[in-house]
Amino acid sequence: MNKVIKTIALASFFLTIVGCSSDDTSKTPEGPTFENKQLISHVKSTYYWNDEEYKEDGTTQHISGTDYVIDFNFSYDDHLALSALTYKVIYYQDNEIRKVTDGVFNFKLNQAGQLETLDITGDIMFRNTYTYTYTDGLVSKIESNDGSQKSEQTFTYNAAKQMIQSEIPSIPWTFNYTYNNQNQLIKIQNNRTELPEQIEYDAKSNPFKDLPFDLTSVLFEGVNYIPLTYMFPNNIQGYKTPYLDTYQLEYKYDENNNPIKASIYYQSDNQPKELDYEIDYSYITKKVEVTK
């Protein structure tokens, strides 16, 4: 905020103005203050296949290779609002590119800046159209249509505005959500499974925190039935499926505590952990004016 201070010295003698002067204490107007703001610009997920190769001598050797790559690119307008999200899926066979699919996340926001519709084109793993309904500012229903099947998911909240239950009537499935004292979603219990899905977190910054929707549940396999409108407070550091499959994540961060690389390891039945997939994050830095 610019401050201008003008000092005018007035002198009077018997109600007669005899002079006026301005002193040298006038301050030079302060210029605006800027800070650096980091925005996610590129996310590349590389998924691997793992297998055992049997040799003639009866021994086995672990082998692996690239299965497929998902490459997300984020664009912003002059106000640093997300303007476009595109992606590319690259499939490999024998470590050579077999197929490439391009797609777009076409999104529309409502007047409150919330996700209203999302039409995802391109690869079959993402291709779908979603419509979001809100009640008291919270998403209460999501309708989806992938071209061959329609479904909807409804949501219930507690007094703290935490999503505590969702239902997919057509299946029918019910999910109950549990949080810790840090407002982190730590358990998802499906009515069809005996054990819940369990999630652990780091204490660093979510790279999607400045977007109108969060791609965390898109990037991490196994974290399902969480709406894109749910903003994860931190980064997932580990999760366990209802079938006791365990995933552990190892991160590298930049100086601002933003993740720049995540290595996701799979472990089951006391076997050595295997590198399942890796995620690389890139950012752009923009100067923004600080509002005082």
C-alpha atoms as a PDB file:
ATOM      1  CA  MET A   1       0.000   0.000   0.000  1.00  0.00           C
ATOM      2  CA  ASN A   2       1.532   3.353  -1.011  1.00  0.00           C
ATOM      3  CA  LYS A   3       1.717   5.973   1.661  1.00  0.00           C
ATOM      4  CA  VAL A   4       1.957   9.691   0.867  1.00  0.00           C
ATOM      5  CA  ILE A   5       2.500  12.056   3.720  1.00  0.00           C
ATOM      6  CA  LYS A   6       2.348  15.720   3.028  1.00  0.00           C
ATOM      7  CA  THR A   7       3.291  18.170   5.752  1.00  0.00           C
ATOM      8  CA  ILE A   8       2.157  21.736   5.392  1.00  0.00           C
ATOM      9  CA  ALA A   9       3.342  24.285   7.920  1.00  0.00           C
ATOM     10  CA  LEU A  10       0.919  27.126   8.496  1.00  0.00           C
ATOM     11  CA  ALA A  11       1.802  30.254  10.380  1.00  0.00           C
ATOM     12  CA  SER A  12      -0.598  33.030  11.292  1.00  0.00           C
ATOM     13  CA  PHE A  13      -0.276  36.238  13.207  1.00  0.00           C
ATOM     14  CA  PHE A  14      -3.401  38.162  14.253  1.00  0.00           C
ATOM     15  CA  LEU A  15      -5.428  36.044  11.817  1.00  0.00           C
ATOM     16  CA  THR A  16      -3.238  37.130   8.956  1.00  0.00           C
ATOM     17  CA  ILE A  17      -1.447  34.548   6.851  1.00  0.00           C
ATOM     18  CA  VAL A  18       2.070  35.716   6.683  1.00  0.00           C
ATOM     19  CA  GLY A  19       3.586  32.707   4.985  1.00  0.00           C
ATOM     20  CA  CYS A  20       3.508  29.016   4.370  1.00  0.00           C
ATOM     21  CA  SER A  21       6.238  26.542   3.824  1.00  0.00           C
ATOM     22  CA  SER A  22       6.729  22.847   3.322  1.00  0.00           C
ATOM     23  CA  ASP A  23       9.472  21.206   5.305  1.00  0.00           C
ATOM     24  CA  ASP A  24      11.909  18.584   4.209  1.00  0.00           C
ATOM     25  CA  THR A  25      10.312  15.786   6.237  1.00  0.00           C
ATOM     26  CA  SER A  26       8.072  14.710   3.327  1.00  0.00           C
ATOM     27  CA  LYS A  27       8.567  11.008   2.651  1.00  0.00           C
ATOM     28  CA  THR A  28       9.189   9.598  -0.781  1.00  0.00           C
ATOM     29  CA  PRO A  29       6.234   7.391  -1.789  1.00  0.00           C
ATOM     30  CA  GLU A  30       6.990   3.751  -1.181  1.00  0.00           C
ATOM     31  CA  GLY A  31       6.943   1.443  -4.178  1.00  0.00           C
ATOM     32  CA  PRO A  32       5.035  -1.830  -4.249  1.00  0.00           C
ATOM     33  CA  THR A  33       6.519  -4.892  -2.573  1.00  0.00           C
ATOM     34  CA  PHE A  34       6.792  -8.138  -4.510  1.00  0.00           C
ATOM     35  CA  GLU A  35       7.362 -11.760  -3.553  1.00  0.00           C
ATOM     36  CA  ASN A  36       8.017 -14.894  -5.563  1.00  0.00           C
ATOM     37  CA  LYS A  37       5.134 -17.278  -6.101  1.00  0.00           C
ATOM     38  CA  GLN A  38       5.679 -20.819  -7.343  1.00  0.00           C
ATOM     39  CA  LEU A  39       3.076 -22.501  -9.529  1.00  0.00           C
ATOM     40  CA  ILE A  40       3.069 -26.103 -10.659  1.00  0.00           C
ATOM     41  CA  SER A  41       3.806 -26.218 -14.389  1.00  0.00           C
ATOM     42  CA  HIS A  42       4.606 -29.826 -15.227  1.00  0.00           C
ATOM     43  CA  VAL A  43       4.044 -33.228 -13.610  1.00  0.00           C
ATOM     44  CA  LYS A  44       5.485 -36.369 -15.149  1.00  0.00           C
ATOM     45  CA  SER A  45       4.595 -39.806 -13.772  1.00  0.00           C
ATOM     46  CA  THR A  46       6.618 -42.804 -14.940  1.00  0.00           C
ATOM     47  CA  TYR A  47       5.148 -46.233 -14.170  1.00  0.00           C
ATOM     48  CA  TYR A  48       7.234 -49.410 -14.245  1.00  0.00           C
ATOM     49  CA  TRP A  49       6.558 -53.099 -14.686  1.00  0.00           C
ATOM     50  CA  ASN A  50       8.388 -55.606 -12.517  1.00  0.00           C
ATOM     51  CA  ASP A  51       8.842 -59.337 -13.057  1.00  0.00           C
ATOM     52  CA  GLU A  52      11.054 -62.319 -12.314  1.00  0.00           C
ATOM     53  CA  GLU A  53      13.091 -63.911 -15.086  1.00  0.00           C
ATOM     54  CA  TYR A  54      13.929 -67.603 -14.679  1.00  0.00           C
ATOM     55  CA  LYS A  55      17.375 -68.724 -15.797  1.00  0.00           C
ATOM     56  CA  GLU A  56      18.498 -72.142 -17.018  1.00  0.00           C
ATOM     57  CA  ASP A  57      20.436 -72.761 -13.807  1.00  0.00           C
ATOM     58  CA  GLY A  58      17.202 -72.493 -11.794  1.00  0.00           C
ATOM     59  CA  THR A  59      17.870 -69.049 -10.356  1.00  0.00           C
ATOM     60  CA  THR A  60      15.707 -65.989 -10.891  1.00  0.00           C
ATOM     61  CA  GLN A  61      16.572 -62.423 -11.740  1.00  0.00           C
ATOM     62  CA  HIS A  62      14.435 -59.363 -11.126  1.00  0.00           C
ATOM     63  CA  ILE A  63      13.714 -57.407 -14.317  1.00  0.00           C
ATOM     64  CA  SER A  64      11.811 -54.169 -14.866  1.00  0.00           C
ATOM     65  CA  GLY A  65      11.071 -51.575 -17.501  1.00  0.00           C
ATOM     66  CA  THR A  66       8.908 -48.585 -18.329  1.00  0.00           C
ATOM     67  CA  ASP A  67       5.223 -49.431 -18.660  1.00  0.00           C
ATOM     68  CA  TYR A  68       3.734 -46.010 -19.424  1.00  0.00           C
ATOM     69  CA  VAL A  69       4.261 -42.305 -18.752  1.00  0.00           C
ATOM     70  CA  ILE A  70       1.662 -39.623 -17.971  1.00  0.00           C
ATOM     71  CA  ASP A  71       2.798 -36.086 -18.693  1.00  0.00           C
ATOM     72  CA  PHE A  72       0.669 -33.162 -17.365  1.00  0.00           C
ATOM     73  CA  ASN A  73       1.220 -29.548 -18.428  1.00  0.00           C
ATOM     74  CA  PHE A  74      -0.345 -26.542 -16.664  1.00  0.00           C
ATOM     75  CA  SER A  75      -0.873 -23.085 -18.211  1.00  0.00           C
ATOM     76  CA  TYR A  76      -1.862 -19.828 -16.481  1.00  0.00           C
ATOM     77  CA  ASP A  77      -3.388 -16.503 -17.509  1.00  0.00           C
ATOM     78  CA  ASP A  78      -2.075 -13.024 -16.695  1.00  0.00           C
ATOM     79  CA  HIS A  79      -3.731 -13.202 -13.268  1.00  0.00           C
ATOM     80  CA  LEU A  80      -1.931 -16.479 -12.505  1.00  0.00           C
ATOM     81  CA  ALA A  81      -5.185 -18.457 -12.618  1.00  0.00           C
ATOM     82  CA  LEU A  82      -5.113 -21.896 -14.202  1.00  0.00           C
ATOM     83  CA  SER A  83      -6.178 -21.504 -17.839  1.00  0.00           C
ATOM     84  CA  ALA A  84      -5.410 -24.911 -19.353  1.00  0.00           C
ATOM     85  CA  LEU A  85      -4.453 -28.430 -18.323  1.00  0.00           C
ATOM     86  CA  THR A  86      -3.310 -30.875 -20.988  1.00  0.00           C
ATOM     87  CA  TYR A  87      -1.753 -34.300 -20.749  1.00  0.00           C
ATOM     88  CA  LYS A  88      -0.080 -36.997 -22.764  1.00  0.00           C
ATOM     89  CA  VAL A  89       0.006 -40.741 -22.093  1.00  0.00           C
ATOM     90  CA  ILE A  90       2.933 -42.638 -23.615  1.00  0.00           C
ATOM     91  CA  TYR A  91       2.716 -46.441 -23.642  1.00  0.00           C
ATOM     92  CA  TYR A  92       5.813 -48.608 -23.946  1.00  0.00           C
ATOM     93  CA  GLN A  93       6.478 -52.155 -25.034  1.00  0.00           C
ATOM     94  CA  ASP A  94       9.944 -53.685 -24.666  1.00  0.00           C
ATOM     95  CA  ASN A  95      11.069 -50.197 -23.564  1.00  0.00           C
ATOM     96  CA  GLU A  96      10.028 -48.689 -26.904  1.00  0.00           C
ATOM     97  CA  ILE A  97       7.144 -46.290 -27.489  1.00  0.00           C
ATOM     98  CA  ARG A  98       4.096 -48.214 -28.669  1.00  0.00           C
ATOM     99  CA  LYS A  99       1.292 -45.625 -28.466  1.00  0.00           C
ATOM    100  CA  VAL A 100       0.803 -41.962 -27.567  1.00  0.00           C
ATOM    101  CA  THR A 101      -2.518 -40.403 -26.531  1.00  0.00           C
ATOM    102  CA  ASP A 102      -3.151 -36.682 -26.018  1.00  0.00           C
ATOM    103  CA  GLY A 103      -5.919 -35.296 -23.847  1.00  0.00           C
ATOM    104  CA  VAL A 104      -7.312 -32.158 -22.209  1.00  0.00           C
ATOM    105  CA  PHE A 105      -8.937 -31.411 -18.855  1.00  0.00           C
ATOM    106  CA  ASN A 106     -11.614 -28.956 -20.019  1.00  0.00           C
ATOM    107  CA  PHE A 107     -12.913 -27.301 -16.862  1.00  0.00           C
ATOM    108  CA  LYS A 108     -15.482 -24.630 -16.062  1.00  0.00           C
ATOM    109  CA  LEU A 109     -15.690 -22.801 -12.752  1.00  0.00           C
ATOM    110  CA  ASN A 110     -18.751 -21.271 -11.126  1.00  0.00           C
ATOM    111  CA  GLN A 111     -18.955 -17.689  -9.832  1.00  0.00           C
ATOM    112  CA  ALA A 112     -17.375 -18.767  -6.560  1.00  0.00           C
ATOM    113  CA  GLY A 113     -14.349 -20.167  -8.411  1.00  0.00           C
ATOM    114  CA  GLN A 114     -15.353 -23.781  -7.753  1.00  0.00           C
ATOM    115  CA  LEU A 115     -15.212 -26.610 -10.249  1.00  0.00           C
ATOM    116  CA  GLU A 116     -18.576 -26.784 -12.037  1.00  0.00           C
ATOM    117  CA  THR A 117     -17.929 -29.106 -14.976  1.00  0.00           C
ATOM    118  CA  LEU A 118     -14.927 -31.156 -16.037  1.00  0.00           C
ATOM    119  CA  ASP A 119     -14.765 -32.797 -19.450  1.00  0.00           C
ATOM    120  CA  ILE A 120     -11.671 -34.958 -19.840  1.00  0.00           C
ATOM    121  CA  THR A 121     -10.806 -35.999 -23.379  1.00  0.00           C
ATOM    122  CA  GLY A 122      -8.135 -38.372 -24.645  1.00  0.00           C
ATOM    123  CA  ASP A 123      -6.996 -41.585 -23.006  1.00  0.00           C
ATOM    124  CA  ILE A 124      -9.519 -44.129 -21.748  1.00  0.00           C
ATOM    125  CA  MET A 125      -8.008 -44.125 -18.232  1.00  0.00           C
ATOM    126  CA  PHE A 126      -9.184 -40.503 -17.755  1.00  0.00           C
ATOM    127  CA  ARG A 127     -11.890 -39.941 -20.381  1.00  0.00           C
ATOM    128  CA  ASN A 128     -15.071 -38.822 -18.613  1.00  0.00           C
ATOM    129  CA  THR A 129     -17.413 -35.881 -18.049  1.00  0.00           C
ATOM    130  CA  TYR A 130     -18.193 -34.674 -14.519  1.00  0.00           C
ATOM    131  CA  THR A 131     -20.809 -32.235 -13.224  1.00  0.00           C
ATOM    132  CA  TYR A 132     -20.496 -30.837  -9.685  1.00  0.00           C
ATOM    133  CA  THR A 133     -23.376 -29.677  -7.461  1.00  0.00           C
ATOM    134  CA  TYR A 134     -22.754 -27.598  -4.331  1.00  0.00           C
ATOM    135  CA  THR A 135     -24.734 -27.038  -1.146  1.00  0.00           C
ATOM    136  CA  ASP A 136     -23.616 -24.284   1.248  1.00  0.00           C
ATOM    137  CA  GLY A 137     -20.345 -24.049  -0.658  1.00  0.00           C
ATOM    138  CA  LEU A 138     -19.503 -27.762  -0.376  1.00  0.00           C
ATOM    139  CA  VAL A 139     -19.743 -30.298  -3.172  1.00  0.00           C
ATOM    140  CA  SER A 140     -22.802 -32.437  -2.467  1.00  0.00           C
ATOM    141  CA  LYS A 141     -23.051 -34.462  -5.667  1.00  0.00           C
ATOM    142  CA  ILE A 142     -20.859 -35.436  -8.602  1.00  0.00           C
ATOM    143  CA  GLU A 143     -22.430 -36.867 -11.757  1.00  0.00           C
ATOM    144  CA  SER A 144     -20.186 -38.668 -14.229  1.00  0.00           C
ATOM    145  CA  ASN A 145     -20.682 -39.935 -17.773  1.00  0.00           C
ATOM    146  CA  ASP A 146     -17.907 -41.783 -19.599  1.00  0.00           C
ATOM    147  CA  GLY A 147     -19.997 -42.281 -22.731  1.00  0.00           C
ATOM    148  CA  SER A 148     -21.100 -45.799 -21.870  1.00  0.00           C
ATOM    149  CA  GLN A 149     -22.143 -45.504 -18.239  1.00  0.00           C
ATOM    150  CA  LYS A 150     -23.563 -42.804 -15.965  1.00  0.00           C
ATOM    151  CA  SER A 151     -23.153 -42.670 -12.201  1.00  0.00           C
ATOM    152  CA  GLU A 152     -23.318 -40.260  -9.304  1.00  0.00           C
ATOM    153  CA  GLN A 153     -21.609 -39.892  -5.952  1.00  0.00           C
ATOM    154  CA  THR A 154     -23.198 -37.934  -3.075  1.00  0.00           C
ATOM    155  CA  PHE A 155     -21.379 -36.467  -0.070  1.00  0.00           C
ATOM    156  CA  THR A 156     -22.161 -35.761   3.588  1.00  0.00           C
ATOM    157  CA  TYR A 157     -20.268 -33.371   5.905  1.00  0.00           C
ATOM    158  CA  ASN A 158     -19.936 -32.750   9.625  1.00  0.00           C
ATOM    159  CA  ALA A 159     -20.138 -29.420  11.449  1.00  0.00           C
ATOM    160  CA  ALA A 160     -16.437 -28.818  10.767  1.00  0.00           C
ATOM    161  CA  LYS A 161     -17.183 -29.081   7.006  1.00  0.00           C
ATOM    162  CA  GLN A 162     -15.204 -32.293   6.743  1.00  0.00           C
ATOM    163  CA  MET A 163     -16.366 -34.839   4.171  1.00  0.00           C
ATOM    164  CA  ILE A 164     -17.353 -37.805   6.348  1.00  0.00           C
ATOM    165  CA  GLN A 165     -19.344 -40.044   3.996  1.00  0.00           C
ATOM    166  CA  SER A 166     -20.096 -40.594   0.322  1.00  0.00           C
ATOM    167  CA  GLU A 167     -22.389 -42.970  -1.519  1.00  0.00           C
ATOM    168  CA  ILE A 168     -22.522 -44.384  -5.031  1.00  0.00           C
ATOM    169  CA  PRO A 169     -26.109 -45.704  -5.152  1.00  0.00           C
ATOM    170  CA  SER A 170     -25.775 -47.583  -8.442  1.00  0.00           C
ATOM    171  CA  ILE A 171     -23.203 -50.081  -7.066  1.00  0.00           C
ATOM    172  CA  PRO A 172     -24.149 -49.588  -4.132  1.00  0.00           C
ATOM    173  CA  TRP A 173     -21.036 -48.458  -2.258  1.00  0.00           C
ATOM    174  CA  THR A 174     -20.643 -46.348   0.866  1.00  0.00           C
ATOM    175  CA  PHE A 175     -17.395 -44.723   1.984  1.00  0.00           C
ATOM    176  CA  ASN A 176     -16.701 -43.349   5.464  1.00  0.00           C
ATOM    177  CA  TYR A 177     -13.852 -40.870   5.893  1.00  0.00           C
ATOM    178  CA  THR A 178     -11.785 -40.379   9.077  1.00  0.00           C
ATOM    179  CA  TYR A 179      -9.465 -37.448   9.925  1.00  0.00           C
ATOM    180  CA  ASN A 180      -6.683 -36.863  12.438  1.00  0.00           C
ATOM    181  CA  ASN A 181      -6.125 -33.758  14.582  1.00  0.00           C
ATOM    182  CA  GLN A 182      -4.260 -32.068  11.727  1.00  0.00           C
ATOM    183  CA  ASN A 183      -7.366 -32.286   9.515  1.00  0.00           C
ATOM    184  CA  GLN A 184      -5.671 -34.912   7.343  1.00  0.00           C
ATOM    185  CA  LEU A 185      -7.793 -37.628   5.773  1.00  0.00           C
ATOM    186  CA  ILE A 186      -6.263 -40.829   7.170  1.00  0.00           C
ATOM    187  CA  LYS A 187      -8.851 -43.597   6.615  1.00  0.00           C
ATOM    188  CA  ILE A 188     -11.384 -44.506   3.936  1.00  0.00           C
ATOM    189  CA  GLN A 189     -13.685 -47.365   4.861  1.00  0.00           C
ATOM    190  CA  ASN A 190     -15.665 -49.053   2.085  1.00  0.00           C
ATOM    191  CA  ASN A 191     -18.772 -51.015   3.098  1.00  0.00           C
ATOM    192  CA  ARG A 192     -17.584 -53.835   0.804  1.00  0.00           C
ATOM    193  CA  THR A 193     -14.208 -54.380   2.504  1.00  0.00           C
ATOM    194  CA  GLU A 194     -13.294 -55.429   6.023  1.00  0.00           C
ATOM    195  CA  LEU A 195     -10.249 -53.182   6.358  1.00  0.00           C
ATOM    196  CA  PRO A 196      -9.980 -49.479   5.515  1.00  0.00           C
ATOM    197  CA  GLU A 197      -7.647 -47.712   3.152  1.00  0.00           C
ATOM    198  CA  GLN A 198      -5.041 -45.904   5.275  1.00  0.00           C
ATOM    199  CA  ILE A 199      -3.090 -42.783   4.325  1.00  0.00           C
ATOM    200  CA  GLU A 200      -0.030 -41.086   5.864  1.00  0.00           C
ATOM    201  CA  TYR A 201       1.351 -37.619   5.076  1.00  0.00           C
ATOM    202  CA  ASP A 202       4.432 -35.468   5.203  1.00  0.00           C
ATOM    203  CA  ALA A 203       4.377 -31.889   6.530  1.00  0.00           C
ATOM    204  CA  LYS A 204       5.305 -30.170   3.255  1.00  0.00           C
ATOM    205  CA  SER A 205       3.370 -28.144   0.677  1.00  0.00           C
ATOM    206  CA  ASN A 206       0.794 -29.668  -1.653  1.00  0.00           C
ATOM    207  CA  PRO A 207       1.904 -28.601  -5.185  1.00  0.00           C
ATOM    208  CA  PHE A 208      -1.749 -28.226  -6.266  1.00  0.00           C
ATOM    209  CA  LYS A 209      -2.779 -25.933  -3.410  1.00  0.00           C
ATOM    210  CA  ASP A 210      -3.297 -22.900  -5.691  1.00  0.00           C
ATOM    211  CA  LEU A 211      -5.467 -24.722  -8.248  1.00  0.00           C
ATOM    212  CA  PRO A 212      -9.268 -25.014  -8.327  1.00  0.00           C
ATOM    213  CA  PHE A 213      -8.908 -28.805  -8.034  1.00  0.00           C
ATOM    214  CA  ASP A 214      -6.351 -31.254  -6.665  1.00  0.00           C
ATOM    215  CA  LEU A 215      -4.728 -33.934  -8.848  1.00  0.00           C
ATOM    216  CA  THR A 216      -3.339 -35.906  -5.896  1.00  0.00           C
ATOM    217  CA  SER A 217      -5.954 -38.654  -6.210  1.00  0.00           C
ATOM    218  CA  VAL A 218      -5.286 -38.806  -9.970  1.00  0.00           C
ATOM    219  CA  LEU A 219      -1.540 -39.297  -9.555  1.00  0.00           C
ATOM    220  CA  PHE A 220      -1.555 -41.865  -6.778  1.00  0.00           C
ATOM    221  CA  GLU A 221      -2.901 -45.274  -7.667  1.00  0.00           C
ATOM    222  CA  GLY A 222      -4.977 -46.776  -4.874  1.00  0.00           C
ATOM    223  CA  VAL A 223      -6.306 -43.470  -3.537  1.00  0.00           C
ATOM    224  CA  ASN A 224      -9.819 -43.691  -4.969  1.00  0.00           C
ATOM    225  CA  TYR A 225     -13.270 -42.148  -4.665  1.00  0.00           C
ATOM    226  CA  ILE A 226     -12.021 -38.810  -3.401  1.00  0.00           C
ATOM    227  CA  PRO A 227     -13.393 -35.842  -5.390  1.00  0.00           C
ATOM    228  CA  LEU A 228     -10.943 -33.580  -7.183  1.00  0.00           C
ATOM    229  CA  THR A 229     -12.504 -30.724  -5.221  1.00  0.00           C
ATOM    230  CA  TYR A 230     -10.990 -32.129  -2.014  1.00  0.00           C
ATOM    231  CA  MET A 231      -7.721 -30.317  -1.345  1.00  0.00           C
ATOM    232  CA  PHE A 232      -5.153 -32.494   0.410  1.00  0.00           C
ATOM    233  CA  PRO A 233      -3.430 -30.412   3.133  1.00  0.00           C
ATOM    234  CA  ASN A 234      -0.056 -32.100   2.550  1.00  0.00           C
ATOM    235  CA  ASN A 235       1.587 -34.760   0.381  1.00  0.00           C
ATOM    236  CA  ILE A 236       0.810 -38.459   0.703  1.00  0.00           C
ATOM    237  CA  GLN A 237       3.799 -40.255   2.199  1.00  0.00           C
ATOM    238  CA  GLY A 238       2.365 -43.743   2.509  1.00  0.00           C
ATOM    239  CA  TYR A 239      -0.850 -45.693   2.076  1.00  0.00           C
ATOM    240  CA  LYS A 240      -2.133 -49.176   2.624  1.00  0.00           C
ATOM    241  CA  THR A 241      -4.970 -50.746   0.666  1.00  0.00           C
ATOM    242  CA  PRO A 242      -7.742 -52.851   2.263  1.00  0.00           C
ATOM    243  CA  TYR A 243      -5.848 -55.868   0.875  1.00  0.00           C
ATOM    244  CA  LEU A 244      -2.703 -54.946   2.858  1.00  0.00           C
ATOM    245  CA  ASP A 245      -0.754 -53.788  -0.180  1.00  0.00           C
ATOM    246  CA  THR A 246       1.607 -51.127   1.125  1.00  0.00           C
ATOM    247  CA  TYR A 247       3.069 -48.131  -0.722  1.00  0.00           C
ATOM    248  CA  GLN A 248       5.835 -45.954   0.700  1.00  0.00           C
ATOM    249  CA  LEU A 249       6.860 -42.634  -0.827  1.00  0.00           C
ATOM    250  CA  GLU A 250      10.266 -40.985  -0.699  1.00  0.00           C
ATOM    251  CA  TYR A 251      10.379 -37.291  -1.618  1.00  0.00           C
ATOM    252  CA  LYS A 252      12.933 -34.734  -2.657  1.00  0.00           C
ATOM    253  CA  TYR A 253      11.950 -31.114  -1.970  1.00  0.00           C
ATOM    254  CA  ASP A 254      13.101 -27.707  -3.112  1.00  0.00           C
ATOM    255  CA  GLU A 255      14.056 -24.855  -0.797  1.00  0.00           C
ATOM    256  CA  ASN A 256      10.374 -23.873  -0.461  1.00  0.00           C
ATOM    257  CA  ASN A 257       9.280 -27.334   0.709  1.00  0.00           C
ATOM    258  CA  ASN A 258       7.622 -28.132  -2.610  1.00  0.00           C
ATOM    259  CA  PRO A 259       8.095 -31.715  -3.839  1.00  0.00           C
ATOM    260  CA  ILE A 260      10.280 -32.028  -6.925  1.00  0.00           C
ATOM    261  CA  LYS A 261      10.424 -35.831  -7.041  1.00  0.00           C
ATOM    262  CA  ALA A 262       8.473 -38.684  -5.471  1.00  0.00           C
ATOM    263  CA  SER A 263       9.542 -42.326  -5.649  1.00  0.00           C
ATOM    264  CA  ILE A 264       6.712 -44.738  -4.875  1.00  0.00           C
ATOM    265  CA  TYR A 265       7.685 -48.196  -3.630  1.00  0.00           C
ATOM    266  CA  TYR A 266       5.375 -51.193  -3.402  1.00  0.00           C
ATOM    267  CA  GLN A 267       5.781 -53.843  -0.721  1.00  0.00           C
ATOM    268  CA  SER A 268       3.716 -56.936   0.043  1.00  0.00           C
ATOM    269  CA  ASP A 269       4.073 -60.139   2.097  1.00  0.00           C
ATOM    270  CA  ASN A 270       7.430 -59.139   3.585  1.00  0.00           C
ATOM    271  CA  GLN A 271       9.026 -59.056   0.143  1.00  0.00           C
ATOM    272  CA  PRO A 272      11.699 -56.484  -0.769  1.00  0.00           C
ATOM    273  CA  LYS A 273      10.188 -53.205  -1.865  1.00  0.00           C
ATOM    274  CA  GLU A 274       9.903 -52.531  -5.598  1.00  0.00           C
ATOM    275  CA  LEU A 275       9.969 -49.184  -7.350  1.00  0.00           C
ATOM    276  CA  ASP A 276       6.428 -48.951  -8.714  1.00  0.00           C
ATOM    277  CA  TYR A 277       6.446 -45.455 -10.212  1.00  0.00           C
ATOM    278  CA  GLU A 278       8.075 -42.042  -9.959  1.00  0.00           C
ATOM    279  CA  ILE A 279       6.660 -38.527 -10.154  1.00  0.00           C
ATOM    280  CA  ASP A 280       8.663 -35.468 -11.224  1.00  0.00           C
ATOM    281  CA  TYR A 281       7.334 -31.972 -10.449  1.00  0.00           C
ATOM    282  CA  SER A 282       8.348 -28.719 -12.144  1.00  0.00           C
ATOM    283  CA  TYR A 283       7.384 -25.153 -11.226  1.00  0.00           C
ATOM    284  CA  ILE A 284       7.395 -21.673 -12.665  1.00  0.00           C
ATOM    285  CA  THR A 285       8.165 -18.654 -10.497  1.00  0.00           C
ATOM    286  CA  LYS A 286       6.213 -15.412 -10.857  1.00  0.00           C
ATOM    287  CA  LYS A 287       6.559 -12.152  -8.961  1.00  0.00           C
ATOM    288  CA  VAL A 288       3.339 -11.063  -7.302  1.00  0.00           C
ATOM    289  CA  GLU A 289       2.609  -7.824  -5.472  1.00  0.00           C
ATOM    290  CA  VAL A 290       2.163  -8.157  -1.731  1.00  0.00           C
ATOM    291  CA  THR A 291      -1.011  -6.562  -0.424  1.00  0.00           C
ATOM    292  CA  LYS A 292      -0.328  -4.754   2.847  1.00  0.00           C
END
